[in-house]
Amino acid sequence: MKLVRSLFCAVAMLALYGTASAFTLTFDELPMQPVDGLSYQGVSFGFTVGGVNSTDAYYNMSAAGPFTVNVQDPSLVGTAAGVLTLDFAAPVRNLRFDVALDIIGPLTPGFTVALFDPNLTPLTTIPINTDSLLPDYWSEGTFCYNGNLLGRATIEFGPNAGVFALDNLSSVPEPSTIFLLGGGMLGLALLARRRGKNIP
């Protein structure tokens, strides 16, 4: 019984550790404020314009109004001339967010995402095209990644847009191998306990 209880506690602790990097931000969680230098829910934000730190991007700001489908007010809003940096306190394996740009029709690309590993070594750069999901309204696109562990992502917006709005930023980590191993160990311990009771 003590063995089962110990294994159960170990698996529970591993489960908590495995979800430490999970986050979902809809950008209504905090009062309106510049995002440059802000850290929340394991994400640290940076925003630069021309390579210089800028206060031209805000958490919990309204801009898109009724002109978008996936991006809803409030969101993270800033000048599209800037670069938004996301640093993750714990490495993430997947990342998703929606972007809207104040321009009608398609942009190829609408924004570009550069991904870095936990040591901040560049992994890849992914261009994302955007298009109006409603007739004659803002151009929107969704970024979705699942692959190598990430320590940072930078987002550079299309030069033809004046304003960007980013919403629904999320990452849900996959169960770690250790967690799966712990679950297997717990199952084996329970099986051994049952077999021990059935022996005459």
C-alpha atoms as a PDB file:
ATOM      1  CA  MET A   1       0.000   0.000   0.000  1.00  0.00           C
ATOM      2  CA  LYS A   2       2.848   2.384   0.853  1.00  0.00           C
ATOM      3  CA  LEU A   3       4.461   1.646  -2.524  1.00  0.00           C
ATOM      4  CA  VAL A   4       1.224   2.427  -4.388  1.00  0.00           C
ATOM      5  CA  ARG A   5       0.715   5.629  -2.389  1.00  0.00           C
ATOM      6  CA  SER A   6       4.307   6.748  -3.059  1.00  0.00           C
ATOM      7  CA  LEU A   7       4.015   6.038  -6.783  1.00  0.00           C
ATOM      8  CA  PHE A   8       0.688   7.885  -6.926  1.00  0.00           C
ATOM      9  CA  CYS A   9       2.248  10.958  -5.268  1.00  0.00           C
ATOM     10  CA  ALA A  10       5.218  10.839  -7.655  1.00  0.00           C
ATOM     11  CA  VAL A  11       2.925  10.664 -10.698  1.00  0.00           C
ATOM     12  CA  ALA A  12       0.828  13.561  -9.361  1.00  0.00           C
ATOM     13  CA  MET A  13       3.955  15.673  -8.889  1.00  0.00           C
ATOM     14  CA  LEU A  14       5.124  14.829 -12.414  1.00  0.00           C
ATOM     15  CA  ALA A  15       1.703  15.791 -13.766  1.00  0.00           C
ATOM     16  CA  LEU A  16       1.929  19.172 -12.052  1.00  0.00           C
ATOM     17  CA  TYR A  17       5.443  19.677 -13.412  1.00  0.00           C
ATOM     18  CA  GLY A  18       4.312  18.684 -16.912  1.00  0.00           C
ATOM     19  CA  THR A  19       1.658  21.430 -16.971  1.00  0.00           C
ATOM     20  CA  ALA A  20       3.912  24.168 -15.608  1.00  0.00           C
ATOM     21  CA  SER A  21       4.375  25.717 -19.047  1.00  0.00           C
ATOM     22  CA  ALA A  22       0.695  25.627 -20.067  1.00  0.00           C
ATOM     23  CA  PHE A  23      -0.907  29.014 -20.660  1.00  0.00           C
ATOM     24  CA  THR A  24      -3.835  30.644 -22.457  1.00  0.00           C
ATOM     25  CA  LEU A  25      -4.024  34.417 -22.776  1.00  0.00           C
ATOM     26  CA  THR A  26      -7.026  36.298 -24.166  1.00  0.00           C
ATOM     27  CA  PHE A  27      -5.522  39.644 -23.093  1.00  0.00           C
ATOM     28  CA  ASP A  28      -8.348  40.666 -20.779  1.00  0.00           C
ATOM     29  CA  GLU A  29      -6.609  39.261 -17.677  1.00  0.00           C
ATOM     30  CA  LEU A  30      -4.670  42.448 -16.773  1.00  0.00           C
ATOM     31  CA  PRO A  31      -5.397  46.195 -16.937  1.00  0.00           C
ATOM     32  CA  MET A  32      -4.344  47.994 -20.115  1.00  0.00           C
ATOM     33  CA  GLN A  33      -0.575  48.563 -20.069  1.00  0.00           C
ATOM     34  CA  PRO A  34       2.437  48.481 -22.417  1.00  0.00           C
ATOM     35  CA  VAL A  35       3.633  44.909 -23.009  1.00  0.00           C
ATOM     36  CA  ASP A  36       7.332  45.694 -23.374  1.00  0.00           C
ATOM     37  CA  GLY A  37       8.951  44.259 -20.239  1.00  0.00           C
ATOM     38  CA  LEU A  38       5.707  42.650 -19.010  1.00  0.00           C
ATOM     39  CA  SER A  39       5.746  39.058 -17.700  1.00  0.00           C
ATOM     40  CA  TYR A  40       2.556  37.096 -17.104  1.00  0.00           C
ATOM     41  CA  GLN A  41       1.633  33.390 -16.917  1.00  0.00           C
ATOM     42  CA  GLY A  42       5.143  32.287 -17.851  1.00  0.00           C
ATOM     43  CA  VAL A  43       5.404  34.581 -20.899  1.00  0.00           C
ATOM     44  CA  SER A  44       7.699  37.631 -20.966  1.00  0.00           C
ATOM     45  CA  PHE A  45       6.896  40.168 -23.671  1.00  0.00           C
ATOM     46  CA  GLY A  46       9.226  42.491 -25.515  1.00  0.00           C
ATOM     47  CA  PHE A  47       8.311  45.019 -28.181  1.00  0.00           C
ATOM     48  CA  THR A  48      10.729  46.967 -30.337  1.00  0.00           C
ATOM     49  CA  VAL A  49      10.385  49.418 -33.202  1.00  0.00           C
ATOM     50  CA  GLY A  50      13.499  49.817 -35.316  1.00  0.00           C
ATOM     51  CA  GLY A  51      15.408  47.711 -32.766  1.00  0.00           C
ATOM     52  CA  VAL A  52      14.556  50.089 -29.893  1.00  0.00           C
ATOM     53  CA  ASN A  53      12.266  49.134 -26.991  1.00  0.00           C
ATOM     54  CA  SER A  54       8.857  50.713 -27.488  1.00  0.00           C
ATOM     55  CA  THR A  55       5.626  51.294 -25.565  1.00  0.00           C
ATOM     56  CA  ASP A  56       3.610  51.173 -28.813  1.00  0.00           C
ATOM     57  CA  ALA A  57       2.042  47.775 -28.006  1.00  0.00           C
ATOM     58  CA  TYR A  58      -0.556  47.321 -25.250  1.00  0.00           C
ATOM     59  CA  TYR A  59      -2.072  44.454 -23.286  1.00  0.00           C
ATOM     60  CA  ASN A  60      -5.893  44.614 -22.974  1.00  0.00           C
ATOM     61  CA  MET A  61      -6.586  47.175 -25.698  1.00  0.00           C
ATOM     62  CA  SER A  62      -9.474  47.400 -28.154  1.00  0.00           C
ATOM     63  CA  ALA A  63      -8.819  47.999 -31.840  1.00  0.00           C
ATOM     64  CA  ALA A  64     -10.333  45.310 -34.054  1.00  0.00           C
ATOM     65  CA  GLY A  65     -13.941  45.913 -32.975  1.00  0.00           C
ATOM     66  CA  PRO A  66     -16.446  44.059 -35.184  1.00  0.00           C
ATOM     67  CA  PHE A  67     -13.964  43.822 -38.073  1.00  0.00           C
ATOM     68  CA  THR A  68     -12.519  40.385 -37.241  1.00  0.00           C
ATOM     69  CA  VAL A  69     -13.602  36.784 -36.674  1.00  0.00           C
ATOM     70  CA  ASN A  70     -10.870  35.100 -34.595  1.00  0.00           C
ATOM     71  CA  VAL A  71      -9.363  38.152 -32.883  1.00  0.00           C
ATOM     72  CA  GLN A  72     -11.724  39.637 -30.326  1.00  0.00           C
ATOM     73  CA  ASP A  73     -11.421  42.823 -28.267  1.00  0.00           C
ATOM     74  CA  PRO A  74      -9.597  43.233 -26.001  1.00  0.00           C
ATOM     75  CA  SER A  75      -6.367  41.896 -27.441  1.00  0.00           C
ATOM     76  CA  LEU A  76      -2.679  42.741 -27.613  1.00  0.00           C
ATOM     77  CA  VAL A  77      -2.553  45.743 -29.963  1.00  0.00           C
ATOM     78  CA  GLY A  78       0.416  47.593 -31.386  1.00  0.00           C
ATOM     79  CA  THR A  79       1.986  49.312 -34.347  1.00  0.00           C
ATOM     80  CA  ALA A  80       2.752  46.826 -37.131  1.00  0.00           C
ATOM     81  CA  ALA A  81       6.123  48.552 -37.607  1.00  0.00           C
ATOM     82  CA  GLY A  82       7.347  46.724 -34.495  1.00  0.00           C
ATOM     83  CA  VAL A  83       8.555  43.250 -33.557  1.00  0.00           C
ATOM     84  CA  LEU A  84       6.871  41.376 -30.712  1.00  0.00           C
ATOM     85  CA  THR A  85       9.024  38.945 -28.697  1.00  0.00           C
ATOM     86  CA  LEU A  86       7.647  36.127 -26.533  1.00  0.00           C
ATOM     87  CA  ASP A  87      10.061  34.510 -24.073  1.00  0.00           C
ATOM     88  CA  PHE A  88       8.835  31.397 -22.255  1.00  0.00           C
ATOM     89  CA  ALA A  89       9.773  30.759 -18.611  1.00  0.00           C
ATOM     90  CA  ALA A  90       9.463  27.006 -19.261  1.00  0.00           C
ATOM     91  CA  PRO A  91      10.111  25.632 -22.768  1.00  0.00           C
ATOM     92  CA  VAL A  92       6.965  24.913 -24.806  1.00  0.00           C
ATOM     93  CA  ARG A  93       6.521  22.350 -27.550  1.00  0.00           C
ATOM     94  CA  ASN A  94       3.501  23.945 -29.218  1.00  0.00           C
ATOM     95  CA  LEU A  95       2.281  27.477 -29.743  1.00  0.00           C
ATOM     96  CA  ARG A  96      -0.873  29.018 -31.184  1.00  0.00           C
ATOM     97  CA  PHE A  97      -2.224  32.548 -31.674  1.00  0.00           C
ATOM     98  CA  ASP A  98      -4.403  34.646 -33.990  1.00  0.00           C
ATOM     99  CA  VAL A  99      -3.336  37.926 -35.616  1.00  0.00           C
ATOM    100  CA  ALA A 100      -5.428  40.609 -37.332  1.00  0.00           C
ATOM    101  CA  LEU A 101      -3.991  43.481 -39.392  1.00  0.00           C
ATOM    102  CA  ASP A 102      -5.805  46.717 -40.222  1.00  0.00           C
ATOM    103  CA  ILE A 103      -5.730  46.112 -43.940  1.00  0.00           C
ATOM    104  CA  ILE A 104      -8.361  44.652 -46.267  1.00  0.00           C
ATOM    105  CA  GLY A 105      -7.629  41.513 -48.242  1.00  0.00           C
ATOM    106  CA  PRO A 106      -4.676  39.155 -48.436  1.00  0.00           C
ATOM    107  CA  LEU A 107      -1.132  39.847 -47.270  1.00  0.00           C
ATOM    108  CA  THR A 108       1.603  37.409 -48.322  1.00  0.00           C
ATOM    109  CA  PRO A 109       2.975  37.116 -45.727  1.00  0.00           C
ATOM    110  CA  GLY A 110       0.910  39.016 -43.201  1.00  0.00           C
ATOM    111  CA  PHE A 111       3.430  38.236 -40.471  1.00  0.00           C
ATOM    112  CA  THR A 112       6.533  36.134 -39.929  1.00  0.00           C
ATOM    113  CA  VAL A 113       7.343  34.067 -36.841  1.00  0.00           C
ATOM    114  CA  ALA A 114      10.941  33.202 -35.930  1.00  0.00           C
ATOM    115  CA  LEU A 115      11.317  30.333 -33.454  1.00  0.00           C
ATOM    116  CA  PHE A 116      14.225  29.694 -31.076  1.00  0.00           C
ATOM    117  CA  ASP A 117      15.100  26.720 -28.895  1.00  0.00           C
ATOM    118  CA  PRO A 118      15.514  27.032 -25.083  1.00  0.00           C
ATOM    119  CA  ASN A 119      19.159  28.125 -25.628  1.00  0.00           C
ATOM    120  CA  LEU A 120      17.862  30.847 -28.013  1.00  0.00           C
ATOM    121  CA  THR A 121      19.445  29.137 -31.012  1.00  0.00           C
ATOM    122  CA  PRO A 122      17.363  29.882 -34.145  1.00  0.00           C
ATOM    123  CA  LEU A 123      15.237  26.923 -35.272  1.00  0.00           C
ATOM    124  CA  THR A 124      13.112  28.162 -38.170  1.00  0.00           C
ATOM    125  CA  THR A 125      11.231  31.142 -39.600  1.00  0.00           C
ATOM    126  CA  ILE A 126       7.625  30.635 -40.682  1.00  0.00           C
ATOM    127  CA  PRO A 127       5.719  33.145 -42.876  1.00  0.00           C
ATOM    128  CA  ILE A 128       1.946  33.262 -42.315  1.00  0.00           C
ATOM    129  CA  ASN A 129      -0.406  34.646 -44.952  1.00  0.00           C
ATOM    130  CA  THR A 130      -3.465  36.615 -43.870  1.00  0.00           C
ATOM    131  CA  ASP A 131      -6.777  37.381 -45.544  1.00  0.00           C
ATOM    132  CA  SER A 132     -10.082  39.015 -44.684  1.00  0.00           C
ATOM    133  CA  LEU A 133     -12.412  36.462 -43.106  1.00  0.00           C
ATOM    134  CA  LEU A 134     -15.285  38.953 -43.405  1.00  0.00           C
ATOM    135  CA  PRO A 135     -15.848  40.909 -46.645  1.00  0.00           C
ATOM    136  CA  ASP A 136     -13.944  44.210 -46.625  1.00  0.00           C
ATOM    137  CA  TYR A 137     -12.634  43.821 -43.077  1.00  0.00           C
ATOM    138  CA  TRP A 138      -9.289  43.258 -41.353  1.00  0.00           C
ATOM    139  CA  SER A 139      -6.868  40.650 -42.692  1.00  0.00           C
ATOM    140  CA  GLU A 140      -6.469  37.685 -40.306  1.00  0.00           C
ATOM    141  CA  GLY A 141      -4.195  34.684 -39.906  1.00  0.00           C
ATOM    142  CA  THR A 142      -3.564  31.916 -37.384  1.00  0.00           C
ATOM    143  CA  PHE A 143      -0.169  30.613 -36.309  1.00  0.00           C
ATOM    144  CA  CYS A 144      -0.046  27.031 -35.043  1.00  0.00           C
ATOM    145  CA  TYR A 145       3.169  25.133 -34.275  1.00  0.00           C
ATOM    146  CA  ASN A 146       3.938  21.757 -32.747  1.00  0.00           C
ATOM    147  CA  GLY A 147       7.525  20.543 -32.863  1.00  0.00           C
ATOM    148  CA  ASN A 148      10.838  21.174 -31.108  1.00  0.00           C
ATOM    149  CA  LEU A 149      10.931  22.768 -27.671  1.00  0.00           C
ATOM    150  CA  LEU A 150      10.776  26.565 -27.863  1.00  0.00           C
ATOM    151  CA  GLY A 151      12.321  29.166 -25.589  1.00  0.00           C
ATOM    152  CA  ARG A 152      11.399  32.211 -27.670  1.00  0.00           C
ATOM    153  CA  ALA A 153       9.248  33.335 -30.593  1.00  0.00           C
ATOM    154  CA  THR A 154       9.469  36.685 -32.383  1.00  0.00           C
ATOM    155  CA  ILE A 155       6.667  38.055 -34.555  1.00  0.00           C
ATOM    156  CA  GLU A 156       7.309  40.578 -37.307  1.00  0.00           C
ATOM    157  CA  PHE A 157       4.269  42.083 -38.987  1.00  0.00           C
ATOM    158  CA  GLY A 158       3.562  42.960 -42.611  1.00  0.00           C
ATOM    159  CA  PRO A 159       4.917  46.351 -43.705  1.00  0.00           C
ATOM    160  CA  ASN A 160       1.649  47.332 -45.411  1.00  0.00           C
ATOM    161  CA  ALA A 161      -0.417  47.279 -42.193  1.00  0.00           C
ATOM    162  CA  GLY A 162      -0.511  50.091 -39.658  1.00  0.00           C
ATOM    163  CA  VAL A 163      -1.830  48.213 -36.611  1.00  0.00           C
ATOM    164  CA  PHE A 164      -1.821  44.584 -35.470  1.00  0.00           C
ATOM    165  CA  ALA A 165      -4.022  42.830 -32.922  1.00  0.00           C
ATOM    166  CA  LEU A 166      -2.943  39.483 -31.415  1.00  0.00           C
ATOM    167  CA  ASP A 167      -5.307  37.217 -29.480  1.00  0.00           C
ATOM    168  CA  ASN A 168      -5.761  33.672 -28.130  1.00  0.00           C
ATOM    169  CA  LEU A 169      -2.107  33.050 -27.296  1.00  0.00           C
ATOM    170  CA  SER A 170      -1.799  29.517 -25.946  1.00  0.00           C
ATOM    171  CA  SER A 171       0.409  26.507 -25.403  1.00  0.00           C
ATOM    172  CA  VAL A 172      -0.623  23.171 -23.939  1.00  0.00           C
ATOM    173  CA  PRO A 173       2.426  20.965 -23.324  1.00  0.00           C
ATOM    174  CA  GLU A 174       2.362  17.315 -24.266  1.00  0.00           C
ATOM    175  CA  PRO A 175       2.708  14.797 -21.434  1.00  0.00           C
ATOM    176  CA  SER A 176       6.374  14.206 -20.736  1.00  0.00           C
ATOM    177  CA  THR A 177       7.989  10.813 -21.189  1.00  0.00           C
ATOM    178  CA  ILE A 178       8.657  10.744 -17.439  1.00  0.00           C
ATOM    179  CA  PHE A 179       4.956  11.277 -16.735  1.00  0.00           C
ATOM    180  CA  LEU A 180       4.021   8.405 -19.040  1.00  0.00           C
ATOM    181  CA  LEU A 181       6.661   6.202 -17.408  1.00  0.00           C
ATOM    182  CA  GLY A 182       5.320   7.103 -13.964  1.00  0.00           C
ATOM    183  CA  GLY A 183       1.801   6.158 -15.035  1.00  0.00           C
ATOM    184  CA  GLY A 184       3.096   2.815 -16.305  1.00  0.00           C
ATOM    185  CA  MET A 185       4.903   2.184 -13.009  1.00  0.00           C
ATOM    186  CA  LEU A 186       1.724   2.938 -11.075  1.00  0.00           C
ATOM    187  CA  GLY A 187      -0.230   0.502 -13.251  1.00  0.00           C
ATOM    188  CA  LEU A 188       2.362  -2.243 -12.724  1.00  0.00           C
ATOM    189  CA  ALA A 189       2.340  -1.664  -8.960  1.00  0.00           C
ATOM    190  CA  LEU A 190      -1.460  -1.976  -8.852  1.00  0.00           C
ATOM    191  CA  LEU A 191      -1.321  -5.135 -10.996  1.00  0.00           C
ATOM    192  CA  ALA A 192       1.338  -6.694  -8.707  1.00  0.00           C
ATOM    193  CA  ARG A 193      -0.766  -5.818  -5.639  1.00  0.00           C
ATOM    194  CA  ARG A 194      -3.873  -7.495  -7.099  1.00  0.00           C
ATOM    195  CA  ARG A 195      -1.929 -10.614  -8.095  1.00  0.00           C
ATOM    196  CA  GLY A 196      -0.475 -10.795  -4.589  1.00  0.00           C
ATOM    197  CA  LYS A 197      -3.991 -10.814  -3.086  1.00  0.00           C
ATOM    198  CA  ASN A 198      -5.166 -13.582  -5.415  1.00  0.00           C
ATOM    199  CA  ILE A 199      -2.371 -16.034  -4.488  1.00  0.00           C
ATOM    200  CA  PRO A 200      -3.774 -18.780  -2.148  1.00  0.00           C
END
